[in-house]
């Protein structure tokens, strides 16, 4: 969900508080040998169905720019589930797996999107009954008085049964130190992981340095998360690819000159930014502002008449306002 942690902690105080995202999982323990196979289907039919499941998941992964290490991990999880089913069919032991995870990386690197895809994979493979997603803020976990936090956190864990509890910027729970009620939320989560072992999956996400600090706040945390993944920043070329995908999804096109202007801005921004760069989120905000600017330009230029379909789709250099930094939150 150290020496470096102090610097990270200072940086987080300058950033506005962001939403804590939660994803939830199965109320039945994800014991692979008991839940993955279809009881009424032959092994051959089940194999074909499960391969089809991964083809569907892979289509979603292929739409994500970069993230090769994450795509490899998702396939490893799928392979593990498949082979576990084959071992069960062969009369071999298939131990229950622990899938609690930590996602480390800057904003806009795809952490929440990947969590949703993993939830869908577990649900379709029969490991999770629901695979549902809940998004909450720190305030939804942390109460105002002693005992209130534990109650609120337990209620969220209860809702998480059958799914994944995904907490974005989880380090914010440890921001206030020993006297902060966030520590009570951490302790309650650790107890819930023990009391409801394998009944839900917990994914904690946040900045790399802050997440290391967070895991150190409770000695029981690090060993409970066997899967820890780094989400690297996107390169400028990858950000340009993402921007072109974003405008295409909205039925817009970027003129070549606008793409060049955006690329030059991103190169400068990544080089000069003193805070963590917000990657795809930063690009999305630029694109959305450019669409607003294009609307103003067209209205001023054409008044009540129609500019034509192509012009309605086109984002020009003058629409790309990058002289001011867009809100990265």
C-alpha atoms as a PDB file:
ATOM      1  CA  UNK A   1       0.000   0.000   0.000  1.00  0.00           C
ATOM      2  CA  UNK A   2      14.759   5.204   6.386  1.00  0.00           C
ATOM      3  CA  UNK A   3      16.766   8.058   5.194  1.00  0.00           C
ATOM      4  CA  UNK A   4      14.979   8.340   1.879  1.00  0.00           C
ATOM      5  CA  UNK A   5      11.614   8.275   3.598  1.00  0.00           C
ATOM      6  CA  UNK A   6      12.236  11.617   5.272  1.00  0.00           C
ATOM      7  CA  UNK A   7      12.732  13.344   1.934  1.00  0.00           C
ATOM      8  CA  UNK A   8       9.688  11.594   0.508  1.00  0.00           C
ATOM      9  CA  UNK A   9       7.627  12.550   3.518  1.00  0.00           C
ATOM     10  CA  UNK A  10       8.501  16.201   3.109  1.00  0.00           C
ATOM     11  CA  UNK A  11       7.556  16.069  -0.532  1.00  0.00           C
ATOM     12  CA  UNK A  12       4.174  14.546   0.269  1.00  0.00           C
ATOM     13  CA  UNK A  13       3.269  17.473   2.523  1.00  0.00           C
ATOM     14  CA  UNK A  14       3.459  19.786  -0.487  1.00  0.00           C
ATOM     15  CA  UNK A  15       1.117  17.653  -2.555  1.00  0.00           C
ATOM     16  CA  UNK A  16      -2.610  17.877  -1.980  1.00  0.00           C
ATOM     17  CA  UNK A  17      -4.157  14.844  -0.357  1.00  0.00           C
ATOM     18  CA  UNK A  18      -5.390  12.356  -2.924  1.00  0.00           C
ATOM     19  CA  UNK A  19      -8.004   9.675  -2.909  1.00  0.00           C
ATOM     20  CA  UNK A  20      -7.251   6.282  -1.432  1.00  0.00           C
ATOM     21  CA  UNK A  21      -8.435   3.639  -3.864  1.00  0.00           C
ATOM     22  CA  UNK A  22      -9.625   0.279  -2.640  1.00  0.00           C
ATOM     23  CA  UNK A  23     -10.169  -2.963  -4.553  1.00  0.00           C
ATOM     24  CA  UNK A  24     -11.796  -5.982  -2.999  1.00  0.00           C
ATOM     25  CA  UNK A  25     -11.702  -9.813  -3.330  1.00  0.00           C
ATOM     26  CA  UNK A  26     -13.149 -13.237  -2.521  1.00  0.00           C
ATOM     27  CA  UNK A  27     -14.699 -14.182   0.822  1.00  0.00           C
ATOM     28  CA  UNK A  28     -13.682 -17.778   0.203  1.00  0.00           C
ATOM     29  CA  UNK A  29      -9.964 -18.401   0.701  1.00  0.00           C
ATOM     30  CA  UNK A  30      -8.235 -18.348  -2.693  1.00  0.00           C
ATOM     31  CA  UNK A  31      -6.947 -21.892  -2.274  1.00  0.00           C
ATOM     32  CA  UNK A  32      -6.164 -22.547  -5.890  1.00  0.00           C
ATOM     33  CA  UNK A  33      -6.569 -26.294  -5.697  1.00  0.00           C
ATOM     34  CA  UNK A  34     -10.149 -25.887  -4.446  1.00  0.00           C
ATOM     35  CA  UNK A  35     -11.534 -23.019  -6.481  1.00  0.00           C
ATOM     36  CA  UNK A  36      -9.977 -22.730  -9.905  1.00  0.00           C
ATOM     37  CA  UNK A  37     -11.358 -25.755 -11.741  1.00  0.00           C
ATOM     38  CA  UNK A  38     -14.885 -26.017 -13.129  1.00  0.00           C
ATOM     39  CA  UNK A  39     -16.490 -29.014 -11.403  1.00  0.00           C
ATOM     40  CA  UNK A  40     -18.784 -29.870 -14.313  1.00  0.00           C
ATOM     41  CA  UNK A  41     -16.249 -29.361 -17.093  1.00  0.00           C
ATOM     42  CA  UNK A  42     -13.634 -31.748 -18.403  1.00  0.00           C
ATOM     43  CA  UNK A  43      -9.968 -30.716 -17.970  1.00  0.00           C
ATOM     44  CA  UNK A  44      -9.645 -30.118 -21.724  1.00  0.00           C
ATOM     45  CA  UNK A  45     -12.702 -27.864 -21.822  1.00  0.00           C
ATOM     46  CA  UNK A  46     -11.568 -25.999 -18.710  1.00  0.00           C
ATOM     47  CA  UNK A  47      -8.089 -25.468 -20.188  1.00  0.00           C
ATOM     48  CA  UNK A  48      -9.634 -23.939 -23.286  1.00  0.00           C
ATOM     49  CA  UNK A  49     -11.882 -21.677 -21.205  1.00  0.00           C
ATOM     50  CA  UNK A  50      -8.994 -20.495 -19.044  1.00  0.00           C
ATOM     51  CA  UNK A  51      -6.800 -19.787 -22.064  1.00  0.00           C
ATOM     52  CA  UNK A  52      -9.676 -17.709 -23.406  1.00  0.00           C
ATOM     53  CA  UNK A  53      -9.765 -15.816 -20.128  1.00  0.00           C
ATOM     54  CA  UNK A  54      -6.139 -14.818 -20.474  1.00  0.00           C
ATOM     55  CA  UNK A  55      -6.608 -13.783 -24.095  1.00  0.00           C
ATOM     56  CA  UNK A  56      -9.253 -11.346 -22.856  1.00  0.00           C
ATOM     57  CA  UNK A  57      -6.983 -10.059 -20.098  1.00  0.00           C
ATOM     58  CA  UNK A  58      -4.050  -9.750 -22.509  1.00  0.00           C
ATOM     59  CA  UNK A  59      -6.104  -7.530 -24.813  1.00  0.00           C
ATOM     60  CA  UNK A  60      -6.548  -5.103 -21.949  1.00  0.00           C
ATOM     61  CA  UNK A  61      -2.852  -5.285 -21.055  1.00  0.00           C
ATOM     62  CA  UNK A  62      -1.819  -4.700 -24.676  1.00  0.00           C
ATOM     63  CA  UNK A  63      -3.700  -1.406 -24.630  1.00  0.00           C
ATOM     64  CA  UNK A  64      -1.370  -0.162 -21.889  1.00  0.00           C
ATOM     65  CA  UNK A  65       1.770   1.632 -23.025  1.00  0.00           C
ATOM     66  CA  UNK A  66       5.000   0.159 -21.606  1.00  0.00           C
ATOM     67  CA  UNK A  67       4.729  -1.673 -18.248  1.00  0.00           C
ATOM     68  CA  UNK A  68       6.485  -4.768 -19.619  1.00  0.00           C
ATOM     69  CA  UNK A  69       7.417  -5.968 -16.115  1.00  0.00           C
ATOM     70  CA  UNK A  70       3.777  -5.752 -14.998  1.00  0.00           C
ATOM     71  CA  UNK A  71       2.531  -7.592 -18.086  1.00  0.00           C
ATOM     72  CA  UNK A  72       5.063 -10.344 -17.355  1.00  0.00           C
ATOM     73  CA  UNK A  73       3.873 -10.569 -13.739  1.00  0.00           C
ATOM     74  CA  UNK A  74       0.216 -10.901 -14.760  1.00  0.00           C
ATOM     75  CA  UNK A  75       1.121 -13.783 -17.069  1.00  0.00           C
ATOM     76  CA  UNK A  76       3.121 -15.425 -14.257  1.00  0.00           C
ATOM     77  CA  UNK A  77       0.057 -15.255 -12.000  1.00  0.00           C
ATOM     78  CA  UNK A  78      -2.125 -16.743 -14.736  1.00  0.00           C
ATOM     79  CA  UNK A  79       0.419 -19.531 -15.351  1.00  0.00           C
ATOM     80  CA  UNK A  80       0.557 -20.282 -11.625  1.00  0.00           C
ATOM     81  CA  UNK A  81      -3.212 -20.623 -11.441  1.00  0.00           C
ATOM     82  CA  UNK A  82      -3.309 -22.829 -14.528  1.00  0.00           C
ATOM     83  CA  UNK A  83      -0.557 -25.155 -13.354  1.00  0.00           C
ATOM     84  CA  UNK A  84      -2.099 -25.333  -9.875  1.00  0.00           C
ATOM     85  CA  UNK A  85      -5.293 -26.631 -11.462  1.00  0.00           C
ATOM     86  CA  UNK A  86      -3.314 -29.182 -13.477  1.00  0.00           C
ATOM     87  CA  UNK A  87      -1.526 -30.327 -10.308  1.00  0.00           C
ATOM     88  CA  UNK A  88      -4.886 -30.755  -8.589  1.00  0.00           C
ATOM     89  CA  UNK A  89      -6.176 -32.805 -11.538  1.00  0.00           C
ATOM     90  CA  UNK A  90      -3.053 -34.973 -11.251  1.00  0.00           C
ATOM     91  CA  UNK A  91      -3.618 -35.569  -7.520  1.00  0.00           C
ATOM     92  CA  UNK A  92      -0.688 -33.394  -6.455  1.00  0.00           C
ATOM     93  CA  UNK A  93      -0.609 -30.864  -3.654  1.00  0.00           C
ATOM     94  CA  UNK A  94      -1.396 -27.296  -4.610  1.00  0.00           C
ATOM     95  CA  UNK A  95      -0.746 -24.861  -1.789  1.00  0.00           C
ATOM     96  CA  UNK A  96      -2.816 -21.743  -1.217  1.00  0.00           C
ATOM     97  CA  UNK A  97      -1.018 -18.676  -2.538  1.00  0.00           C
ATOM     98  CA  UNK A  98      -0.796 -15.261  -0.899  1.00  0.00           C
ATOM     99  CA  UNK A  99      -1.417 -12.490  -3.433  1.00  0.00           C
ATOM    100  CA  UNK A 100      -1.166  -9.331  -1.306  1.00  0.00           C
ATOM    101  CA  UNK A 101       0.811  -6.742  -3.294  1.00  0.00           C
ATOM    102  CA  UNK A 102       2.633  -3.426  -3.093  1.00  0.00           C
ATOM    103  CA  UNK A 103       2.653  -1.128  -6.120  1.00  0.00           C
ATOM    104  CA  UNK A 104       5.438   1.486  -6.050  1.00  0.00           C
ATOM    105  CA  UNK A 105       5.663   4.411  -8.425  1.00  0.00           C
ATOM    106  CA  UNK A 106       4.782   7.991  -9.262  1.00  0.00           C
ATOM    107  CA  UNK A 107       1.229   9.104 -10.094  1.00  0.00           C
ATOM    108  CA  UNK A 108      -0.149   8.360 -13.532  1.00  0.00           C
ATOM    109  CA  UNK A 109       1.888   5.201 -14.103  1.00  0.00           C
ATOM    110  CA  UNK A 110      -1.105   2.853 -14.300  1.00  0.00           C
ATOM    111  CA  UNK A 111      -1.272   1.422 -10.782  1.00  0.00           C
ATOM    112  CA  UNK A 112      -5.038   1.629 -10.383  1.00  0.00           C
ATOM    113  CA  UNK A 113      -5.661   0.393 -13.931  1.00  0.00           C
ATOM    114  CA  UNK A 114      -3.428  -2.641 -13.391  1.00  0.00           C
ATOM    115  CA  UNK A 115      -5.131  -3.389 -10.052  1.00  0.00           C
ATOM    116  CA  UNK A 116      -8.488  -3.522 -11.835  1.00  0.00           C
ATOM    117  CA  UNK A 117      -7.129  -5.873 -14.490  1.00  0.00           C
ATOM    118  CA  UNK A 118      -5.659  -8.185 -11.850  1.00  0.00           C
ATOM    119  CA  UNK A 119      -8.997  -8.165 -10.013  1.00  0.00           C
ATOM    120  CA  UNK A 120     -10.740  -9.230 -13.208  1.00  0.00           C
ATOM    121  CA  UNK A 121      -8.184 -12.010 -13.808  1.00  0.00           C
ATOM    122  CA  UNK A 122      -8.688 -13.455 -10.313  1.00  0.00           C
ATOM    123  CA  UNK A 123     -12.455 -13.256 -10.637  1.00  0.00           C
ATOM    124  CA  UNK A 124     -12.537 -14.960 -14.036  1.00  0.00           C
ATOM    125  CA  UNK A 125     -10.096 -17.656 -12.895  1.00  0.00           C
ATOM    126  CA  UNK A 126     -12.370 -18.494  -9.977  1.00  0.00           C
ATOM    127  CA  UNK A 127     -10.008 -17.326  -7.248  1.00  0.00           C
ATOM    128  CA  UNK A 128     -12.235 -14.401  -6.290  1.00  0.00           C
ATOM    129  CA  UNK A 129     -15.984 -14.464  -5.979  1.00  0.00           C
ATOM    130  CA  UNK A 130     -16.517 -10.807  -6.898  1.00  0.00           C
ATOM    131  CA  UNK A 131     -13.285  -9.014  -7.779  1.00  0.00           C
ATOM    132  CA  UNK A 132     -14.944  -5.665  -7.112  1.00  0.00           C
ATOM    133  CA  UNK A 133     -13.336  -2.242  -6.663  1.00  0.00           C
ATOM    134  CA  UNK A 134     -14.016   0.385  -3.987  1.00  0.00           C
ATOM    135  CA  UNK A 135     -12.277   3.769  -3.924  1.00  0.00           C
ATOM    136  CA  UNK A 136     -11.959   5.633  -0.604  1.00  0.00           C
ATOM    137  CA  UNK A 137     -10.011   8.515   0.858  1.00  0.00           C
ATOM    138  CA  UNK A 138      -7.845   8.439   3.963  1.00  0.00           C
ATOM    139  CA  UNK A 139     -10.831   9.929   5.826  1.00  0.00           C
ATOM    140  CA  UNK A 140     -12.834   6.804   4.999  1.00  0.00           C
ATOM    141  CA  UNK A 141     -10.314   4.717   6.965  1.00  0.00           C
ATOM    142  CA  UNK A 142      -9.182   7.124   9.675  1.00  0.00           C
ATOM    143  CA  UNK A 143     -11.643   8.229  12.350  1.00  0.00           C
ATOM    144  CA  UNK A 144     -11.786  11.206  14.674  1.00  0.00           C
ATOM    145  CA  UNK A 145     -11.358   9.522  18.034  1.00  0.00           C
ATOM    146  CA  UNK A 146      -9.830   6.398  19.601  1.00  0.00           C
ATOM    147  CA  UNK A 147     -11.603   3.275  18.386  1.00  0.00           C
ATOM    148  CA  UNK A 148     -13.383   5.029  15.528  1.00  0.00           C
ATOM    149  CA  UNK A 149     -10.625   4.217  13.024  1.00  0.00           C
ATOM    150  CA  UNK A 150     -10.642   0.506  13.819  1.00  0.00           C
ATOM    151  CA  UNK A 151     -14.402   0.418  13.341  1.00  0.00           C
ATOM    152  CA  UNK A 152     -14.292   2.209   9.987  1.00  0.00           C
ATOM    153  CA  UNK A 153     -11.404   0.076   8.740  1.00  0.00           C
ATOM    154  CA  UNK A 154     -13.098  -3.175   9.767  1.00  0.00           C
ATOM    155  CA  UNK A 155     -16.208  -2.112   7.868  1.00  0.00           C
ATOM    156  CA  UNK A 156     -14.157  -1.581   4.714  1.00  0.00           C
ATOM    157  CA  UNK A 157     -12.448  -4.941   5.144  1.00  0.00           C
ATOM    158  CA  UNK A 158     -15.875  -6.543   5.466  1.00  0.00           C
ATOM    159  CA  UNK A 159     -16.910  -4.936   2.180  1.00  0.00           C
ATOM    160  CA  UNK A 160     -13.666  -6.216   0.668  1.00  0.00           C
ATOM    161  CA  UNK A 161     -14.498  -9.855   1.249  1.00  0.00           C
ATOM    162  CA  UNK A 162     -14.560 -11.521  -2.144  1.00  0.00           C
ATOM    163  CA  UNK A 163     -12.461  -8.793  -3.707  1.00  0.00           C
ATOM    164  CA  UNK A 164      -9.313  -6.682  -3.534  1.00  0.00           C
ATOM    165  CA  UNK A 165      -8.779  -3.841  -1.088  1.00  0.00           C
ATOM    166  CA  UNK A 166      -6.657  -1.362  -3.036  1.00  0.00           C
ATOM    167  CA  UNK A 167      -5.335   1.590  -1.055  1.00  0.00           C
ATOM    168  CA  UNK A 168      -3.647   4.256  -3.150  1.00  0.00           C
ATOM    169  CA  UNK A 169      -1.161   6.545  -1.392  1.00  0.00           C
ATOM    170  CA  UNK A 170      -1.312   4.098   1.502  1.00  0.00           C
ATOM    171  CA  UNK A 171       1.683   5.813   3.121  1.00  0.00           C
ATOM    172  CA  UNK A 172      -0.653   8.664   4.098  1.00  0.00           C
ATOM    173  CA  UNK A 173      -1.903   6.393   6.877  1.00  0.00           C
ATOM    174  CA  UNK A 174       1.522   6.674   8.534  1.00  0.00           C
ATOM    175  CA  UNK A 175       2.054  10.361   7.878  1.00  0.00           C
ATOM    176  CA  UNK A 176       1.122  11.582  11.361  1.00  0.00           C
ATOM    177  CA  UNK A 177       3.456   9.350  13.378  1.00  0.00           C
ATOM    178  CA  UNK A 178       2.702   7.327  16.507  1.00  0.00           C
ATOM    179  CA  UNK A 179      -0.124   9.546  17.791  1.00  0.00           C
ATOM    180  CA  UNK A 180      -1.971   9.755  14.490  1.00  0.00           C
ATOM    181  CA  UNK A 181      -5.067   7.599  14.104  1.00  0.00           C
ATOM    182  CA  UNK A 182      -3.660   6.348  10.813  1.00  0.00           C
ATOM    183  CA  UNK A 183      -1.479   3.953  12.791  1.00  0.00           C
ATOM    184  CA  UNK A 184      -4.651   2.430  14.206  1.00  0.00           C
ATOM    185  CA  UNK A 185      -5.836   1.805  10.635  1.00  0.00           C
ATOM    186  CA  UNK A 186      -2.552   0.061   9.820  1.00  0.00           C
ATOM    187  CA  UNK A 187      -2.769  -2.139  12.892  1.00  0.00           C
ATOM    188  CA  UNK A 188      -6.377  -3.026  12.067  1.00  0.00           C
ATOM    189  CA  UNK A 189      -5.418  -3.970   8.504  1.00  0.00           C
ATOM    190  CA  UNK A 190      -2.612  -6.225   9.754  1.00  0.00           C
ATOM    191  CA  UNK A 191      -4.997  -7.966  12.151  1.00  0.00           C
ATOM    192  CA  UNK A 192      -7.586  -8.361   9.386  1.00  0.00           C
ATOM    193  CA  UNK A 193      -4.990  -9.984   7.124  1.00  0.00           C
ATOM    194  CA  UNK A 194      -4.397 -12.534   9.859  1.00  0.00           C
ATOM    195  CA  UNK A 195      -8.008 -13.060  10.959  1.00  0.00           C
ATOM    196  CA  UNK A 196      -9.325 -13.291   7.388  1.00  0.00           C
ATOM    197  CA  UNK A 197      -6.344 -14.987   5.847  1.00  0.00           C
ATOM    198  CA  UNK A 198      -6.700 -15.348   2.069  1.00  0.00           C
ATOM    199  CA  UNK A 199     -10.295 -14.102   2.185  1.00  0.00           C
ATOM    200  CA  UNK A 200      -9.413 -10.825   0.500  1.00  0.00           C
ATOM    201  CA  UNK A 201      -6.409  -9.395  -1.295  1.00  0.00           C
ATOM    202  CA  UNK A 202      -4.811  -6.160  -0.156  1.00  0.00           C
ATOM    203  CA  UNK A 203      -2.929  -3.988  -2.645  1.00  0.00           C
ATOM    204  CA  UNK A 204      -1.086  -0.965  -1.282  1.00  0.00           C
ATOM    205  CA  UNK A 205       0.115   1.684  -3.722  1.00  0.00           C
ATOM    206  CA  UNK A 206       2.116   4.896  -3.543  1.00  0.00           C
ATOM    207  CA  UNK A 207       5.396   6.685  -4.180  1.00  0.00           C
ATOM    208  CA  UNK A 208       8.450   4.432  -3.889  1.00  0.00           C
ATOM    209  CA  UNK A 209      10.226   6.149  -0.979  1.00  0.00           C
ATOM    210  CA  UNK A 210       7.046   6.749   0.977  1.00  0.00           C
ATOM    211  CA  UNK A 211       5.943   3.137   0.564  1.00  0.00           C
ATOM    212  CA  UNK A 212       9.246   1.896   1.996  1.00  0.00           C
ATOM    213  CA  UNK A 213       8.722   4.190   4.977  1.00  0.00           C
ATOM    214  CA  UNK A 214       5.134   2.982   5.326  1.00  0.00           C
ATOM    215  CA  UNK A 215       6.122  -0.697   5.359  1.00  0.00           C
ATOM    216  CA  UNK A 216       8.665   0.038   8.083  1.00  0.00           C
ATOM    217  CA  UNK A 217       5.984   1.481  10.388  1.00  0.00           C
ATOM    218  CA  UNK A 218       4.755  -1.998  11.292  1.00  0.00           C
ATOM    219  CA  UNK A 219       7.096  -5.015  11.553  1.00  0.00           C
ATOM    220  CA  UNK A 220       4.289  -7.301  10.414  1.00  0.00           C
ATOM    221  CA  UNK A 221       3.759  -5.560   7.081  1.00  0.00           C
ATOM    222  CA  UNK A 222       6.688  -6.327   4.732  1.00  0.00           C
ATOM    223  CA  UNK A 223       6.491 -10.120   4.970  1.00  0.00           C
ATOM    224  CA  UNK A 224       2.758 -10.036   4.232  1.00  0.00           C
ATOM    225  CA  UNK A 225       3.268  -8.648   0.730  1.00  0.00           C
ATOM    226  CA  UNK A 226       5.154 -11.255  -1.328  1.00  0.00           C
ATOM    227  CA  UNK A 227       4.539  -9.381  -4.590  1.00  0.00           C
ATOM    228  CA  UNK A 228       6.106  -5.924  -4.819  1.00  0.00           C
ATOM    229  CA  UNK A 229       6.121  -4.180  -8.181  1.00  0.00           C
ATOM    230  CA  UNK A 230       7.787  -0.997  -9.431  1.00  0.00           C
ATOM    231  CA  UNK A 231       5.857   1.162 -11.890  1.00  0.00           C
ATOM    232  CA  UNK A 232       8.479   3.190 -13.804  1.00  0.00           C
ATOM    233  CA  UNK A 233       7.904   6.674 -15.159  1.00  0.00           C
ATOM    234  CA  UNK A 234       6.945   6.823 -18.820  1.00  0.00           C
ATOM    235  CA  UNK A 235       9.482   8.071 -21.348  1.00  0.00           C
ATOM    236  CA  UNK A 236       8.587  11.159 -23.402  1.00  0.00           C
ATOM    237  CA  UNK A 237       7.945   9.003 -26.468  1.00  0.00           C
ATOM    238  CA  UNK A 238       5.600   6.809 -24.433  1.00  0.00           C
ATOM    239  CA  UNK A 239       3.785   9.902 -23.136  1.00  0.00           C
ATOM    240  CA  UNK A 240       3.312  11.111 -26.727  1.00  0.00           C
ATOM    241  CA  UNK A 241       1.902   7.692 -27.605  1.00  0.00           C
ATOM    242  CA  UNK A 242      -0.466   7.933 -24.631  1.00  0.00           C
ATOM    243  CA  UNK A 243      -1.565  11.433 -25.651  1.00  0.00           C
ATOM    244  CA  UNK A 244      -2.379  10.260 -29.181  1.00  0.00           C
ATOM    245  CA  UNK A 245      -4.419   7.396 -27.737  1.00  0.00           C
ATOM    246  CA  UNK A 246      -6.278   9.801 -25.470  1.00  0.00           C
ATOM    247  CA  UNK A 247      -7.298  12.143 -28.287  1.00  0.00           C
ATOM    248  CA  UNK A 248      -8.245   9.226 -30.537  1.00  0.00           C
ATOM    249  CA  UNK A 249     -10.574   7.858 -27.852  1.00  0.00           C
ATOM    250  CA  UNK A 250     -12.295  11.260 -27.802  1.00  0.00           C
ATOM    251  CA  UNK A 251     -12.565  11.539 -31.624  1.00  0.00           C
ATOM    252  CA  UNK A 252      -9.864  14.194 -31.881  1.00  0.00           C
ATOM    253  CA  UNK A 253      -6.552  14.332 -33.707  1.00  0.00           C
ATOM    254  CA  UNK A 254      -3.343  16.169 -32.869  1.00  0.00           C
ATOM    255  CA  UNK A 255      -1.653  18.098 -35.677  1.00  0.00           C
ATOM    256  CA  UNK A 256       2.042  17.160 -36.159  1.00  0.00           C
ATOM    257  CA  UNK A 257       3.088  20.649 -35.017  1.00  0.00           C
ATOM    258  CA  UNK A 258       1.024  20.216 -31.845  1.00  0.00           C
ATOM    259  CA  UNK A 259       2.692  16.857 -31.167  1.00  0.00           C
ATOM    260  CA  UNK A 260       6.125  18.471 -31.572  1.00  0.00           C
ATOM    261  CA  UNK A 261       5.156  21.292 -29.192  1.00  0.00           C
ATOM    262  CA  UNK A 262       3.887  18.789 -26.636  1.00  0.00           C
ATOM    263  CA  UNK A 263       7.048  16.689 -26.930  1.00  0.00           C
ATOM    264  CA  UNK A 264       9.292  19.710 -26.348  1.00  0.00           C
ATOM    265  CA  UNK A 265       7.234  20.720 -23.324  1.00  0.00           C
ATOM    266  CA  UNK A 266       7.370  17.226 -21.809  1.00  0.00           C
ATOM    267  CA  UNK A 267      11.153  17.038 -22.271  1.00  0.00           C
ATOM    268  CA  UNK A 268      11.539  20.323 -20.419  1.00  0.00           C
ATOM    269  CA  UNK A 269       9.012  19.459 -17.727  1.00  0.00           C
ATOM    270  CA  UNK A 270      10.596  16.082 -16.922  1.00  0.00           C
ATOM    271  CA  UNK A 271      14.036  17.678 -16.783  1.00  0.00           C
ATOM    272  CA  UNK A 272      13.036  20.629 -14.597  1.00  0.00           C
ATOM    273  CA  UNK A 273      10.398  19.171 -12.296  1.00  0.00           C
ATOM    274  CA  UNK A 274      11.516  19.111  -8.675  1.00  0.00           C
ATOM    275  CA  UNK A 275       8.551  17.015  -7.567  1.00  0.00           C
ATOM    276  CA  UNK A 276       7.429  13.607  -8.728  1.00  0.00           C
ATOM    277  CA  UNK A 277       6.200  13.793 -12.321  1.00  0.00           C
ATOM    278  CA  UNK A 278       2.580  12.699 -12.732  1.00  0.00           C
ATOM    279  CA  UNK A 279       3.065  10.962 -16.099  1.00  0.00           C
ATOM    280  CA  UNK A 280      -0.158  10.013 -17.915  1.00  0.00           C
ATOM    281  CA  UNK A 281      -2.193  12.129 -15.508  1.00  0.00           C
ATOM    282  CA  UNK A 282      -0.164  15.187 -16.487  1.00  0.00           C
ATOM    283  CA  UNK A 283      -0.667  14.479 -20.188  1.00  0.00           C
ATOM    284  CA  UNK A 284      -4.400  13.870 -19.697  1.00  0.00           C
ATOM    285  CA  UNK A 285      -4.797  17.275 -18.066  1.00  0.00           C
ATOM    286  CA  UNK A 286      -2.977  18.954 -20.967  1.00  0.00           C
ATOM    287  CA  UNK A 287      -5.183  17.174 -23.501  1.00  0.00           C
ATOM    288  CA  UNK A 288      -8.397  18.052 -21.680  1.00  0.00           C
ATOM    289  CA  UNK A 289      -7.364  21.696 -21.410  1.00  0.00           C
ATOM    290  CA  UNK A 290      -6.461  21.728 -25.115  1.00  0.00           C
ATOM    291  CA  UNK A 291      -9.911  20.419 -25.995  1.00  0.00           C
ATOM    292  CA  UNK A 292     -11.454  23.288 -24.029  1.00  0.00           C
ATOM    293  CA  UNK A 293      -9.180  25.785 -25.787  1.00  0.00           C
ATOM    294  CA  UNK A 294     -10.111  24.303 -29.165  1.00  0.00           C
ATOM    295  CA  UNK A 295     -13.792  24.766 -28.354  1.00  0.00           C
ATOM    296  CA  UNK A 296     -13.222  28.445 -27.497  1.00  0.00           C
ATOM    297  CA  UNK A 297     -11.210  28.977 -30.703  1.00  0.00           C
ATOM    298  CA  UNK A 298     -13.852  27.371 -32.916  1.00  0.00           C
ATOM    299  CA  UNK A 299     -16.678  29.305 -31.293  1.00  0.00           C
ATOM    300  CA  UNK A 300     -14.833  32.611 -31.756  1.00  0.00           C
ATOM    301  CA  UNK A 301     -13.812  31.762 -35.301  1.00  0.00           C
ATOM    302  CA  UNK A 302     -17.029  30.295 -36.683  1.00  0.00           C
ATOM    303  CA  UNK A 303     -19.713  31.681 -34.393  1.00  0.00           C
ATOM    304  CA  UNK A 304     -22.947  29.775 -34.888  1.00  0.00           C
ATOM    305  CA  UNK A 305     -21.881  28.046 -38.142  1.00  0.00           C
ATOM    306  CA  UNK A 306     -20.337  24.592 -38.310  1.00  0.00           C
ATOM    307  CA  UNK A 307     -16.572  24.412 -38.940  1.00  0.00           C
ATOM    308  CA  UNK A 308     -16.901  20.976 -40.543  1.00  0.00           C
ATOM    309  CA  UNK A 309     -16.118  17.525 -39.171  1.00  0.00           C
ATOM    310  CA  UNK A 310     -12.341  17.607 -39.677  1.00  0.00           C
ATOM    311  CA  UNK A 311     -11.951  20.995 -38.054  1.00  0.00           C
ATOM    312  CA  UNK A 312     -14.109  19.870 -35.128  1.00  0.00           C
ATOM    313  CA  UNK A 313     -11.679  16.998 -34.604  1.00  0.00           C
ATOM    314  CA  UNK A 314      -8.404  18.891 -35.013  1.00  0.00           C
ATOM    315  CA  UNK A 315      -6.304  20.170 -32.109  1.00  0.00           C
ATOM    316  CA  UNK A 316      -3.844  22.748 -33.400  1.00  0.00           C
ATOM    317  CA  UNK A 317      -0.683  24.203 -31.915  1.00  0.00           C
ATOM    318  CA  UNK A 318      -2.514  27.264 -30.603  1.00  0.00           C
ATOM    319  CA  UNK A 319      -4.915  24.996 -28.694  1.00  0.00           C
ATOM    320  CA  UNK A 320      -2.056  23.366 -26.811  1.00  0.00           C
ATOM    321  CA  UNK A 321      -1.584  25.666 -23.842  1.00  0.00           C
ATOM    322  CA  UNK A 322       1.579  24.457 -22.125  1.00  0.00           C
ATOM    323  CA  UNK A 323       2.967  27.788 -20.960  1.00  0.00           C
ATOM    324  CA  UNK A 324       1.227  27.165 -17.624  1.00  0.00           C
ATOM    325  CA  UNK A 325       1.537  23.900 -15.782  1.00  0.00           C
ATOM    326  CA  UNK A 326      -1.739  21.966 -15.723  1.00  0.00           C
ATOM    327  CA  UNK A 327      -3.089  20.787 -12.406  1.00  0.00           C
ATOM    328  CA  UNK A 328      -1.400  17.384 -11.882  1.00  0.00           C
ATOM    329  CA  UNK A 329      -3.862  16.119  -9.309  1.00  0.00           C
END
